[in-house]
Structures are given as C-alpha cells and as structure tokens.
Protein backbone atom coordinates (compact mmCIF):
# COMPACT_ATOMS: atom_id res chain seq x y z
CA MET A 1 20.50 40.99 10.45
CA ALA A 2 20.96 39.91 6.86
CA LEU A 3 20.72 36.32 5.67
CA VAL A 4 24.11 35.76 4.17
CA HIS A 5 25.01 32.08 4.67
CA PRO A 6 23.15 28.77 4.46
CA SER A 7 24.26 28.02 8.06
CA GLN A 8 21.87 30.64 9.32
CA VAL A 9 18.98 28.38 8.22
CA HIS A 10 18.55 25.85 11.09
CA ILE A 11 16.55 22.74 9.93
CA THR A 12 15.12 20.18 12.39
CA GLY A 13 13.02 17.06 11.93
CA SER A 14 14.25 16.17 8.42
CA HIS A 15 15.32 12.65 7.92
CA TYR A 16 14.33 12.06 4.30
CA VAL A 17 13.86 15.65 3.18
CA GLU A 18 17.17 16.84 1.67
CA ALA A 19 18.54 19.97 3.37
CA ALA A 20 19.62 21.30 0.02
CA SER A 21 15.93 21.35 -1.16
CA VAL A 22 15.01 23.45 1.77
CA LEU A 23 17.91 25.80 1.50
CA GLU A 24 17.27 26.44 -2.14
CA ILE A 25 13.83 27.81 -1.16
CA PHE A 26 15.62 30.57 0.78
CA ALA A 27 18.05 31.41 -2.07
CA PRO A 28 16.10 34.50 -3.19
CA ASP A 29 16.38 35.89 0.44
CA ARG A 30 20.19 35.97 0.51
CA GLY A 31 21.49 39.43 1.41
CA GLN A 32 18.07 40.51 2.84
CA SER A 33 17.26 41.24 6.36
CA VAL A 34 15.54 38.21 8.07
CA LEU A 35 12.77 40.68 9.08
CA ARG A 36 11.77 41.04 5.37
CA ILE A 37 11.64 37.24 4.51
CA PRO A 38 8.09 36.14 3.86
CA LEU A 39 7.88 33.30 6.30
CA GLU A 40 4.22 32.14 5.44
CA GLU A 41 5.19 31.88 1.75
CA ARG A 42 8.38 30.01 2.48
CA ARG A 43 6.45 27.59 4.83
CA ARG A 44 4.03 26.77 1.93
CA GLN A 45 6.89 26.30 -0.36
CA ILE A 46 8.59 23.79 2.07
CA GLU A 47 5.32 21.98 2.55
CA ALA A 48 5.13 21.41 -1.23
CA LEU A 49 8.17 19.25 -1.00
CA PRO A 50 7.06 15.56 -1.39
CA TRP A 51 8.25 14.14 2.04
CA VAL A 52 7.09 17.23 4.05
CA ALA A 53 3.78 16.85 5.92
CA GLN A 54 3.99 20.09 7.86
CA ALA A 55 6.49 22.81 8.45
CA THR A 56 6.95 25.94 10.56
CA VAL A 57 9.29 28.79 9.82
CA ARG A 58 10.25 31.36 12.46
CA ARG A 59 12.80 34.05 13.07
CA ALA A 60 15.42 33.76 15.89
CA LEU A 61 16.95 37.15 16.08
CA PRO A 62 19.34 38.53 15.16
CA ASN A 63 19.85 36.67 11.89
CA ILE A 64 18.67 33.02 12.25
CA LEU A 65 15.75 31.16 10.56
CA GLN A 66 14.49 28.06 12.34
CA VAL A 67 12.72 25.55 10.09
CA ASP A 68 10.89 22.56 11.84
CA ILE A 69 9.73 19.73 9.60
CA SER A 70 7.24 16.89 10.20
CA GLU A 71 7.76 14.28 7.56
CA ARG A 72 5.15 11.98 5.83
CA THR A 73 4.97 8.40 7.03
CA PRO A 74 4.86 5.81 4.23
CA ILE A 75 2.61 2.75 4.77
CA ALA A 76 3.03 0.76 1.57
CA PHE A 77 5.10 0.36 -1.56
CA LEU A 78 3.33 1.45 -4.65
CA ARG A 79 3.94 -0.48 -7.78
CA GLU A 80 3.11 1.39 -10.96
CA GLY A 81 4.29 -0.42 -14.11
CA SER A 82 7.84 -1.35 -13.48
CA SER A 83 8.53 1.36 -10.94
CA LEU A 84 8.32 0.91 -7.13
CA SER A 85 7.83 3.93 -4.87
CA LEU A 86 6.40 4.59 -1.48
CA ILE A 87 2.88 6.05 -0.66
CA ASP A 88 1.38 7.48 2.53
CA VAL A 89 -2.19 7.23 3.88
CA ASN A 90 -3.09 10.39 2.13
CA GLY A 91 -2.17 9.04 -1.26
CA VAL A 92 0.99 11.14 -1.57
CA ILE A 93 3.57 9.21 -3.61
CA LEU A 94 7.11 9.39 -2.32
CA GLN A 95 10.46 8.57 -3.87
CA ARG A 96 12.28 5.74 -2.07
CA PRO A 97 15.30 6.89 -0.09
CA LEU A 98 18.37 4.83 -0.86
CA ARG A 99 19.70 4.71 2.67
CA ASP A 100 16.66 3.10 4.51
CA ASP A 101 15.01 -0.40 4.21
CA PHE A 102 11.31 -0.58 4.36
CA HIS A 103 9.10 -3.54 4.97
CA PHE A 104 5.53 -2.90 3.57
CA PRO A 105 2.97 -4.63 1.45
CA VAL A 106 2.93 -3.70 -2.16
CA VAL A 107 -0.16 -1.71 -3.46
CA THR A 108 -1.29 -1.70 -6.95
CA GLY A 109 -4.29 -0.15 -8.80
CA ILE A 110 -3.22 3.46 -7.85
CA ARG A 111 -1.69 5.70 -10.58
CA SER A 112 0.34 8.83 -10.19
CA ASP A 113 -2.01 10.57 -12.65
CA MET A 114 -5.04 9.95 -10.49
CA PRO A 115 -6.54 12.95 -8.57
CA LEU A 116 -5.18 13.08 -5.10
CA ASP A 117 -8.62 12.68 -3.56
CA ASP A 118 -8.98 9.31 -5.38
CA ARG A 119 -5.60 8.11 -4.20
CA GLU A 120 -6.36 9.23 -0.68
CA GLU A 121 -9.76 7.33 -0.69
CA ARG A 122 -8.10 4.03 -1.75
CA MET A 123 -5.21 4.46 0.82
CA HIS A 124 -7.73 4.93 3.51
CA LEU A 125 -9.35 1.72 2.41
CA PHE A 126 -6.01 0.04 2.56
CA SER A 127 -5.23 1.49 5.98
CA GLY A 128 -8.55 0.29 7.43
CA PHE A 129 -7.98 -3.14 5.94
CA MET A 130 -4.55 -3.52 7.59
CA GLN A 131 -6.01 -2.37 10.93
CA GLY A 132 -8.93 -4.79 10.57
CA VAL A 133 -6.84 -7.89 9.94
CA GLU A 134 -4.45 -6.98 12.70
CA ALA A 135 -7.34 -6.55 15.12
CA ALA A 136 -8.68 -10.08 14.10
CA ARG A 137 -5.32 -11.72 14.70
CA PRO A 138 -2.21 -9.91 15.98
CA GLY A 139 0.54 -10.31 13.39
CA ALA A 140 -1.84 -10.98 10.55
CA SER A 141 -0.86 -7.80 8.74
CA SER A 142 2.65 -9.29 8.11
CA GLN A 143 0.98 -12.04 5.95
CA VAL A 144 -0.39 -9.38 3.49
CA SER A 145 1.98 -9.37 0.56
CA GLU A 146 0.01 -7.37 -2.04
CA VAL A 147 -3.24 -5.34 -2.16
CA ASN A 148 -4.92 -4.40 -5.44
CA LEU A 149 -7.05 -1.30 -5.09
CA SER A 150 -8.11 -0.91 -8.70
CA ASP A 151 -11.73 -1.41 -7.63
CA ASP A 152 -12.55 0.92 -4.69
CA HIS A 153 -15.49 -1.36 -3.79
CA ASP A 154 -13.39 -4.60 -3.79
CA LEU A 155 -10.00 -4.72 -1.96
CA LEU A 156 -8.17 -7.66 -3.35
CA ALA A 157 -5.49 -8.87 -1.04
CA THR A 158 -2.77 -11.47 -1.59
CA LEU A 159 -2.00 -13.31 1.66
CA THR A 160 1.09 -15.54 2.15
CA GLY A 161 1.80 -18.09 4.80
CA LEU A 162 -1.86 -18.20 5.81
CA GLN A 163 -2.55 -21.61 4.25
CA SER A 164 0.33 -23.21 6.16
CA ASP A 165 -1.44 -22.27 9.46
CA PHE A 166 -4.20 -24.79 8.58
CA ILE A 167 -2.70 -27.38 6.38
CA GLY A 168 -2.04 -30.63 8.29
CA GLY A 169 0.12 -33.66 7.25
CA SER A 170 -1.86 -34.59 4.12
CA SER A 171 -0.22 -35.39 0.84
CA GLY A 172 0.99 -32.31 -0.91
CA ALA A 173 0.80 -30.18 2.15
CA ALA A 174 4.43 -29.06 1.84
CA MET A 175 3.70 -27.93 -1.63
CA ASP A 176 0.61 -25.85 -0.71
CA ALA A 177 1.91 -24.39 2.60
CA ASP A 178 3.51 -21.25 1.09
CA ALA A 179 0.98 -20.88 -1.76
CA PRO A 180 -0.32 -17.33 -1.94
CA LEU A 181 -4.06 -16.91 -1.36
CA LEU A 182 -6.02 -14.22 -3.25
CA VAL A 183 -9.00 -12.89 -1.19
CA HIS A 184 -11.77 -10.46 -2.15
CA PHE A 185 -12.52 -8.37 0.96
CA GLY A 186 -15.04 -5.84 -0.48
CA ASP A 187 -14.86 -2.28 0.91
CA GLY A 188 -15.37 -2.71 4.65
CA ASP A 189 -16.04 -4.86 7.73
CA PHE A 190 -12.51 -6.22 7.39
CA GLU A 191 -12.06 -7.49 10.89
CA SER A 192 -15.10 -9.78 10.78
CA LYS A 193 -14.34 -10.92 7.19
CA TYR A 194 -10.80 -11.95 8.18
CA GLN A 195 -12.21 -13.76 11.23
CA THR A 196 -14.61 -15.65 8.89
CA LEU A 197 -11.62 -16.57 6.78
CA LEU A 198 -9.74 -17.97 9.81
CA GLU A 199 -12.79 -19.92 11.06
CA LYS A 200 -13.98 -21.42 7.76
CA ILE A 201 -10.96 -21.99 5.48
CA GLU A 202 -10.05 -25.36 6.88
CA GLU A 203 -13.64 -26.68 6.46
CA VAL A 204 -13.86 -25.43 2.95
CA ARG A 205 -10.46 -26.89 2.01
CA ALA A 206 -11.58 -30.24 3.25
CA LYS A 207 -14.59 -30.06 0.95
CA VAL A 208 -13.02 -28.60 -2.21
CA GLY A 209 -9.29 -29.35 -1.94
CA PRO A 210 -6.65 -26.79 -2.92
CA ILE A 211 -7.78 -23.15 -2.77
CA GLN A 212 -6.31 -20.42 -4.89
CA SER A 213 -8.82 -17.64 -4.23
CA ILE A 214 -11.62 -16.81 -1.79
CA ASP A 215 -14.55 -14.23 -1.96
CA LEU A 216 -15.73 -12.85 1.42
CA ARG A 217 -18.27 -10.33 0.04
CA PHE A 218 -21.36 -12.35 0.72
CA ASP A 219 -22.64 -11.80 4.42
CA GLY A 220 -20.40 -14.21 6.25
CA GLU A 221 -20.11 -16.76 3.39
CA LEU A 222 -16.73 -17.99 2.05
CA VAL A 223 -16.78 -18.64 -1.64
CA ALA A 224 -13.85 -20.79 -2.71
CA ASN A 225 -11.90 -20.42 -6.00
CA PRO A 226 -14.36 -17.67 -7.58
CA ASP A 227 -11.45 -16.66 -9.94
CA THR A 228 -10.81 -20.13 -11.35
CA PRO A 229 -12.68 -20.71 -14.59
CA ALA A 230 -15.06 -23.72 -14.48
CA MET A 231 -13.90 -26.61 -16.52
CA VAL A 232 -15.81 -26.95 -19.68
CA VAL A 233 -16.39 -30.49 -20.89
CA GLN A 234 -16.55 -30.76 -24.61
CA PRO A 235 -18.66 -33.52 -26.05
CA LEU A 236 -16.69 -36.28 -27.87
CA PRO A 237 -16.98 -36.23 -31.71
CA LYS A 238 -19.36 -38.82 -33.18
CA ALA A 239 -17.60 -42.01 -34.28
CA ARG A 240 -17.56 -42.54 -37.97
CA ALA A 241 -18.69 -45.96 -39.31
CA ALA A 242 -15.72 -48.04 -40.44
CA GLY A 243 -15.66 -49.49 -43.97
CA HIS A 244 -15.40 -48.34 -47.56
CA SER A 245 -17.95 -46.46 -49.61
CA ARG A 246 -18.92 -47.86 -52.99
C-alpha cells in the first residue's frame, strides 16, 4: 500500500496546471502507506498553485491517489508595466501558458502588490461592465480593447470599431472609422449607459465633430471630449509704434 512511484498519483482536470507541480507536493510521501498521507493538507497545497481553483484528493485502494482539479478561468489580460499576464474574476493573476491563444481585453490599473480583495473588487467591476455592454448589444464586448481600473469609481474603457458603426460618408470618415474611443462609465448601470452611448453618439458627433472621449457619468447625459484640454487663446502682444526715438 506504499506510494512508491509518481504514476500512482492520478491527476484529472489539469490543462494549464503542470503535473510536475502537483507531483512535487506528494514527494514527502514517497515510501509511506497511502493511508498515512494527510489528504486535507495536500489538497490545500494543491489549491495554492496559481491556476488551481479547487481540488479534491482521495485514496483509491490499495495504493492509488486520485487528484481532481478545477482550474481558474481567466477573463482578461493584465498589463503591469511591460509585462502581460492573465487575471480571473477573483483578481488572481495567472502566468500565460505558451501553448494557448487567448482573446481578451487588456486590463490596467491593477498591481500584483495590491491586496487580493482590492484586485477582486476591481475585477468584479470589469466583469459586470462586460456583461452590461453585451446585454445592451450582443457582440459589443468584442469592441472593448482596454479597460483602466485605476479608479474603482470610474471604469475607463477604450472602445474600437464603435465609431465606424455610426460614421457615414462624410469627409474624413475613413480616417475616423477605426479611431479608438475613450469612455468614462463610472461604477455601475453599465447596460443603460452603453445604450445611451449608442443612441446619442451620432447626434453629438454632428454637433461637435470628431470625438476622442466621452463621459457617461451624468444621469443619462453624454459629455463629449471631457479629456481634451480647452484651447486657450492668448492675447496678441501690443504693437509698438514705428519710428526712431530722439
């Protein structure tokens, strides 16, 4: 009944979790009876691995250990400085596997040195936002390229391709069609705010021209270009009288 070979540890459910990382946890148990292995302690150690959400460890007599793993589900890329990793809805940062190709928006404003509770709160805000825009218009979440979560009371999203949905055949339309749009969404009511954006952006563009950013935090109002500094007109210098002094 002794655990003498790694093949006696049967692992299921692992796609991104390396089997070697799991087997290393059982290294101190080599040569012992499977009846003496502390299963609960080993379960906690396995769940401490970054990609593991939940795990169960059980004995299958006479000498087999069965490890069942549920992995975390990433929902965004996390850009921190020059590094790009993955992050799940609970704010757990995950190393990117080399063998898979992910298609997610990029999240910024979350740091690895933040408390997990803070990261989780911001990622729940992100998740609610993505669900809200998708509910407003199916497929809209694919137009979200980046979300800044630095301010937990103002989710700032960069939308791409949205402007081309509304631009007609006017001069410069081809140039503006793919221009990113920076939108302040606040911290809730994302579905109705996105609907306001869809309903009013064309009207506002007709009045103010090209739009680089929009603020939707004011009770159904759409404020265009709030991040663009107003042009300051400097007074002209006074003209000096011509001639020669004596």
